[in-house]
Amino acid sequence: MLGLRSMMVMVMVAASPAFAQSPSPDVLRDLAPTGQLRAAINFGNSVLAQKGPDGAPRGVSADLAAELAKRLGVPVAFVPFEAAGKVFEGARAGIWDVGFMAIEPVRAAEVMFTAPYVIIEGTYMVRRESPFRDVGEVDQPGIKIAVGLGSAYDLYLTRTIKQATLLRAATGGGTAMIEMFVNDRLDVASGVRQQLDAYAKDHPDMRVMPGHFQEIMQAMGMPRVEGQPKVAGAHYLAAFVEEMKASGFIAAALKRSDQIAEVAPPAAK
């Protein structure tokens, strides 16, 4: 794993005058224990994060991290990863304070999640001549499905696929599963709809199935300590996400980064 210094992109942000109430010392201890907000950014999901011309993160994840740092009155340090599975490994290593991942039972033992802020679809792409027309038809003996190692849809399909075979692209994020699907002549590629749609648009011999096998609930999260949440920070982060949804901040951030995704509804009370 790269050293922390080489992985982090420091961005200074001023405290926003819009927030009259300062965070408590307990919140600062939980969310910025090093005096900065170390925010994990997953470039493997282009809906949430993209690289700007200078390589710096942009998109809804980066915007949320910067806005949270403003509220805390600390600088934000972006910790970039190329796949969600690597973000999860980073939680175990203690190299980030807040991250952006899909809610998953496998991850929840070590990461305390907020309610979702964005919902995206996990679906399948096949070759134009494939007999499959519906996502429910794919789980058959002998069918090989390409997945990104450690992704939310990998974890979900691992639990739910009973007859087909999952083959995992070792690099996990981005379009690695598409490359495996094409190069190894597999039957199906699984992934985030937006990424599959973008590939199929440029490759008319491919098509993305209507419908989805999973609604992927993207949330903010904090590493647990010995399985327990950091209570003050977790409450603050949960309230922050709800306000960002209600205020239109998330919808605006998606629009600025030219991404289309569903903003999650308010959390149940």
Protein backbone atom coordinates (compact mmCIF):
# COMPACT_ATOMS: atom_id res chain seq x y z
CA MET A 1 0.00 0.00 0.00
CA LEU A 2 1.29 3.47 -0.78
CA GLY A 3 2.49 5.57 2.13
CA LEU A 4 -0.07 7.98 3.53
CA ARG A 5 1.96 11.04 2.53
CA SER A 6 2.11 9.96 -1.13
CA MET A 7 -1.60 9.11 -1.24
CA MET A 8 -2.98 12.36 0.14
CA VAL A 9 -3.88 15.51 -1.74
CA MET A 10 -4.13 18.44 0.68
CA VAL A 11 -6.75 21.11 0.03
CA MET A 12 -7.19 24.01 2.44
CA VAL A 13 -10.74 25.25 3.00
CA ALA A 14 -11.91 28.20 5.04
CA ALA A 15 -14.62 27.86 7.65
CA SER A 16 -17.99 28.75 6.16
CA PRO A 17 -19.77 31.71 7.79
CA ALA A 18 -23.11 29.99 7.12
CA PHE A 19 -22.71 27.72 10.13
CA ALA A 20 -23.24 29.49 13.41
CA GLN A 21 -22.70 26.47 15.67
CA SER A 22 -19.18 25.16 16.03
CA PRO A 23 -18.67 21.40 16.25
CA SER A 24 -17.99 20.07 19.72
CA PRO A 25 -14.51 18.88 20.74
CA ASP A 26 -15.86 15.30 20.67
CA VAL A 27 -17.00 15.72 17.06
CA LEU A 28 -13.62 17.13 16.04
CA ARG A 29 -11.84 14.30 17.84
CA ASP A 30 -13.93 11.72 16.00
CA LEU A 31 -13.95 13.26 12.52
CA ALA A 32 -10.60 15.04 12.37
CA PRO A 33 -8.30 13.43 14.95
CA THR A 34 -5.16 14.58 13.12
CA GLY A 35 -6.33 18.18 12.73
CA GLN A 36 -7.48 17.61 9.14
CA LEU A 37 -10.36 15.72 7.55
CA ARG A 38 -8.88 12.74 5.71
CA ALA A 39 -11.51 11.87 3.10
CA ALA A 40 -11.31 8.65 1.09
CA ILE A 41 -12.24 9.20 -2.56
CA ASN A 42 -13.07 6.22 -4.79
CA PHE A 43 -12.20 6.97 -8.42
CA GLY A 44 -13.53 3.54 -9.35
CA ASN A 45 -17.09 4.92 -9.37
CA SER A 46 -17.20 7.76 -11.88
CA VAL A 47 -20.70 8.79 -10.80
CA LEU A 48 -19.30 9.91 -7.47
CA ALA A 49 -15.73 10.97 -8.21
CA GLN A 50 -13.69 12.02 -11.21
CA LYS A 51 -10.15 13.29 -11.71
CA GLY A 52 -9.82 16.91 -12.71
CA PRO A 53 -7.27 18.13 -15.28
CA ASP A 54 -4.63 18.28 -12.54
CA GLY A 55 -5.58 14.86 -11.15
CA ALA A 56 -7.32 16.33 -8.11
CA PRO A 57 -10.69 14.83 -7.10
CA ARG A 58 -13.91 16.41 -8.27
CA GLY A 59 -17.53 15.34 -8.11
CA VAL A 60 -20.11 14.86 -5.39
CA SER A 61 -17.79 12.96 -3.03
CA ALA A 62 -15.12 15.65 -3.17
CA ASP A 63 -17.71 18.40 -2.78
CA LEU A 64 -19.24 16.75 0.28
CA ALA A 65 -15.84 16.25 1.86
CA ALA A 66 -14.88 19.88 1.28
CA GLU A 67 -18.19 21.10 2.69
CA LEU A 68 -17.82 18.94 5.79
CA ALA A 69 -14.30 20.25 6.34
CA LYS A 70 -15.66 23.81 6.17
CA ARG A 71 -18.08 23.00 8.94
CA LEU A 72 -15.34 21.50 11.07
CA GLY A 73 -12.97 24.40 10.38
CA VAL A 74 -10.15 22.12 9.27
CA PRO A 75 -8.37 21.41 5.98
CA VAL A 76 -9.51 18.45 3.91
CA ALA A 77 -6.97 15.85 2.79
CA PHE A 78 -8.21 13.69 -0.07
CA VAL A 79 -7.01 10.08 0.13
CA PRO A 80 -7.54 8.63 -3.37
CA PHE A 81 -8.31 5.00 -4.21
CA GLU A 82 -9.12 3.23 -7.47
CA ALA A 83 -11.71 0.79 -6.08
CA ALA A 84 -14.22 0.53 -3.23
CA GLY A 85 -12.52 -2.60 -1.93
CA LYS A 86 -9.32 -0.61 -1.46
CA VAL A 87 -11.25 2.09 0.41
CA PHE A 88 -12.48 -0.60 2.79
CA GLU A 89 -8.93 -1.85 3.32
CA GLY A 90 -7.95 1.73 4.11
CA ALA A 91 -10.55 1.84 6.88
CA ARG A 92 -8.88 -1.15 8.49
CA ALA A 93 -5.51 0.55 8.17
CA GLY A 94 -6.83 3.77 9.77
CA ILE A 95 -5.70 6.08 6.98
CA TRP A 96 -8.99 7.94 6.44
CA ASP A 97 -11.61 9.55 8.66
CA VAL A 98 -14.63 9.69 6.34
CA GLY A 99 -15.28 7.69 3.20
CA PHE A 100 -17.82 7.28 0.42
CA MET A 101 -18.99 3.71 -0.14
CA ALA A 102 -22.09 1.66 -0.75
CA ILE A 103 -23.81 0.32 2.34
CA GLU A 104 -23.04 -3.39 2.60
CA PRO A 105 -23.40 -5.88 5.50
CA VAL A 106 -19.84 -7.13 4.97
CA ARG A 107 -18.52 -3.59 5.41
CA ALA A 108 -20.86 -2.52 8.22
CA ALA A 109 -18.94 -4.55 10.80
CA GLU A 110 -16.01 -2.17 10.39
CA VAL A 111 -17.60 1.00 8.97
CA MET A 112 -20.40 3.06 10.52
CA PHE A 113 -22.60 4.28 7.66
CA THR A 114 -24.93 7.23 7.38
CA ALA A 115 -28.21 6.88 5.54
CA PRO A 116 -27.64 6.86 1.75
CA TYR A 117 -27.24 10.12 -0.13
CA VAL A 118 -27.30 8.74 -3.68
CA ILE A 119 -28.89 5.60 -5.15
CA ILE A 120 -27.45 4.01 -8.29
CA GLU A 121 -28.32 0.79 -10.09
CA GLY A 122 -26.31 -2.37 -10.42
CA THR A 123 -27.14 -4.08 -13.70
CA TYR A 124 -25.75 -6.22 -16.53
CA MET A 125 -24.26 -5.62 -19.96
CA VAL A 126 -24.22 -8.31 -22.64
CA ARG A 127 -23.32 -8.59 -26.31
CA ARG A 128 -26.00 -7.49 -28.72
CA GLU A 129 -26.68 -11.10 -29.83
CA SER A 130 -27.00 -12.45 -26.27
CA PRO A 131 -30.26 -14.32 -25.58
CA PHE A 132 -30.60 -12.62 -22.19
CA ARG A 133 -33.28 -9.92 -22.08
CA ASP A 134 -33.93 -9.61 -18.36
CA VAL A 135 -31.58 -9.48 -15.37
CA GLY A 136 -33.45 -12.38 -13.79
CA GLU A 137 -32.42 -14.72 -16.63
CA VAL A 138 -28.67 -14.50 -16.00
CA ASP A 139 -28.31 -16.85 -13.02
CA GLN A 140 -27.96 -20.12 -14.93
CA PRO A 141 -25.43 -22.97 -14.84
CA GLY A 142 -22.42 -22.35 -17.06
CA ILE A 143 -22.91 -18.57 -17.29
CA LYS A 144 -19.84 -16.49 -16.41
CA ILE A 145 -20.31 -13.01 -14.95
CA ALA A 146 -17.51 -10.44 -14.76
CA VAL A 147 -17.47 -8.38 -11.55
CA GLY A 148 -15.12 -5.84 -9.97
CA LEU A 149 -13.35 -7.35 -6.96
CA GLY A 150 -14.72 -6.02 -3.66
CA SER A 151 -17.32 -3.78 -5.28
CA ALA A 152 -20.80 -3.41 -3.82
CA TYR A 153 -22.26 -5.46 -6.65
CA ASP A 154 -19.59 -8.15 -6.14
CA LEU A 155 -20.62 -8.49 -2.50
CA TYR A 156 -24.30 -8.51 -3.42
CA LEU A 157 -23.97 -11.03 -6.23
CA THR A 158 -21.79 -13.25 -4.05
CA ARG A 159 -24.75 -13.54 -1.69
CA THR A 160 -27.46 -13.93 -4.31
CA ILE A 161 -26.11 -15.75 -7.39
CA LYS A 162 -26.79 -19.47 -7.01
CA GLN A 163 -25.94 -21.11 -10.36
CA ALA A 164 -23.84 -18.79 -12.53
CA THR A 165 -20.11 -18.26 -11.88
CA LEU A 166 -18.64 -14.93 -10.76
CA LEU A 167 -15.21 -14.04 -12.13
CA ARG A 168 -13.53 -11.09 -10.42
CA ALA A 169 -11.32 -8.49 -12.08
CA ALA A 170 -8.37 -8.19 -9.74
CA THR A 171 -8.09 -4.39 -9.91
CA GLY A 172 -11.69 -4.01 -8.73
CA GLY A 173 -12.66 -0.49 -9.74
CA GLY A 174 -13.41 1.45 -12.89
CA THR A 175 -13.98 -0.58 -16.04
CA ALA A 176 -11.75 -3.54 -15.18
CA MET A 177 -14.73 -5.90 -15.17
CA ILE A 178 -15.66 -4.74 -18.69
CA GLU A 179 -12.13 -5.43 -19.90
CA MET A 180 -12.31 -8.93 -18.41
CA PHE A 181 -15.73 -9.51 -19.98
CA VAL A 182 -14.44 -8.50 -23.41
CA ASN A 183 -10.97 -10.07 -23.31
CA ASP A 184 -12.06 -13.39 -21.81
CA ARG A 185 -15.27 -13.63 -23.84
CA LEU A 186 -17.43 -13.96 -20.73
CA ASP A 187 -21.22 -14.03 -20.93
CA VAL A 188 -22.16 -11.01 -18.83
CA ALA A 189 -20.55 -7.91 -17.31
CA SER A 190 -22.00 -6.56 -14.08
CA GLY A 191 -21.53 -3.02 -12.87
CA VAL A 192 -22.89 0.44 -12.19
CA ARG A 193 -25.45 1.35 -14.85
CA GLN A 194 -23.85 4.68 -15.77
CA GLN A 195 -20.46 3.10 -16.47
CA LEU A 196 -22.00 0.27 -18.50
CA ASP A 197 -24.19 2.71 -20.43
CA ALA A 198 -21.16 4.84 -21.29
CA TYR A 199 -19.29 1.82 -22.65
CA ALA A 200 -22.27 0.53 -24.63
CA LYS A 201 -22.82 3.96 -26.16
CA ASP A 202 -19.37 3.72 -27.77
CA HIS A 203 -19.67 0.01 -28.60
CA PRO A 204 -22.86 -0.73 -30.55
CA ASP A 205 -22.17 -4.46 -30.33
CA MET A 206 -23.05 -4.24 -26.61
CA ARG A 207 -26.29 -3.49 -24.80
CA VAL A 208 -27.22 -2.82 -21.18
CA MET A 209 -30.22 -4.65 -19.80
CA PRO A 210 -33.28 -2.74 -18.60
CA GLY A 211 -34.00 -3.04 -14.91
CA HIS A 212 -31.45 -3.83 -12.22
CA PHE A 213 -30.42 -6.59 -9.84
CA GLN A 214 -29.52 -4.16 -7.06
CA GLU A 215 -30.12 -0.63 -5.85
CA ILE A 216 -26.70 0.48 -4.61
CA MET A 217 -27.08 2.78 -1.62
CA GLN A 218 -24.13 5.16 -1.56
CA ALA A 219 -23.41 6.63 1.88
CA MET A 220 -20.75 8.36 3.91
CA GLY A 221 -19.02 6.28 6.53
CA MET A 222 -16.53 6.32 9.40
CA PRO A 223 -14.25 3.50 10.54
CA ARG A 224 -15.39 1.82 13.73
CA VAL A 225 -13.02 1.40 16.67
CA GLU A 226 -12.94 -2.23 17.82
CA GLY A 227 -16.35 -2.69 16.24
CA GLN A 228 -17.89 0.33 17.97
CA PRO A 229 -18.94 3.62 16.36
CA LYS A 230 -17.44 6.98 17.23
CA VAL A 231 -20.73 8.24 18.61
CA ALA A 232 -20.33 12.03 18.47
CA GLY A 233 -18.85 11.99 14.98
CA ALA A 234 -21.39 9.49 13.70
CA HIS A 235 -24.34 11.64 14.86
CA TYR A 236 -22.80 14.75 13.32
CA LEU A 237 -22.09 13.01 10.03
CA ALA A 238 -25.60 11.56 9.83
CA ALA A 239 -27.16 14.99 10.33
CA PHE A 240 -24.77 16.50 7.79
CA VAL A 241 -25.82 14.03 5.08
CA GLU A 242 -29.51 14.68 5.73
CA GLU A 243 -29.02 18.43 5.42
CA MET A 244 -27.00 18.05 2.22
CA LYS A 245 -29.83 16.05 0.66
CA ALA A 246 -32.58 18.38 1.82
CA SER A 247 -30.78 21.59 0.81
CA GLY A 248 -30.20 20.49 -2.77
CA PHE A 249 -26.42 20.45 -2.29
CA ILE A 250 -26.05 16.86 -3.55
CA ALA A 251 -28.27 17.39 -6.58
CA ALA A 252 -26.26 20.49 -7.49
CA ALA A 253 -22.94 18.66 -7.03
CA LEU A 254 -24.07 15.88 -9.35
CA LYS A 255 -25.14 18.44 -11.95
CA ARG A 256 -21.80 20.31 -11.73
CA SER A 257 -19.94 17.09 -12.45
CA ASP A 258 -22.27 16.13 -15.33
CA GLN A 259 -23.54 13.02 -13.55
CA ILE A 260 -27.09 11.67 -13.39
CA ALA A 261 -28.12 9.75 -10.29
CA GLU A 262 -31.03 9.62 -7.88
CA VAL A 263 -30.65 11.59 -4.67
CA ALA A 264 -31.73 9.35 -1.80
CA PRO A 265 -34.88 10.28 0.15
CA PRO A 266 -34.70 11.54 3.74
CA ALA A 267 -33.75 8.95 6.32
CA ALA A 268 -36.61 7.35 8.22
CA LYS A 269 -37.04 8.81 11.69
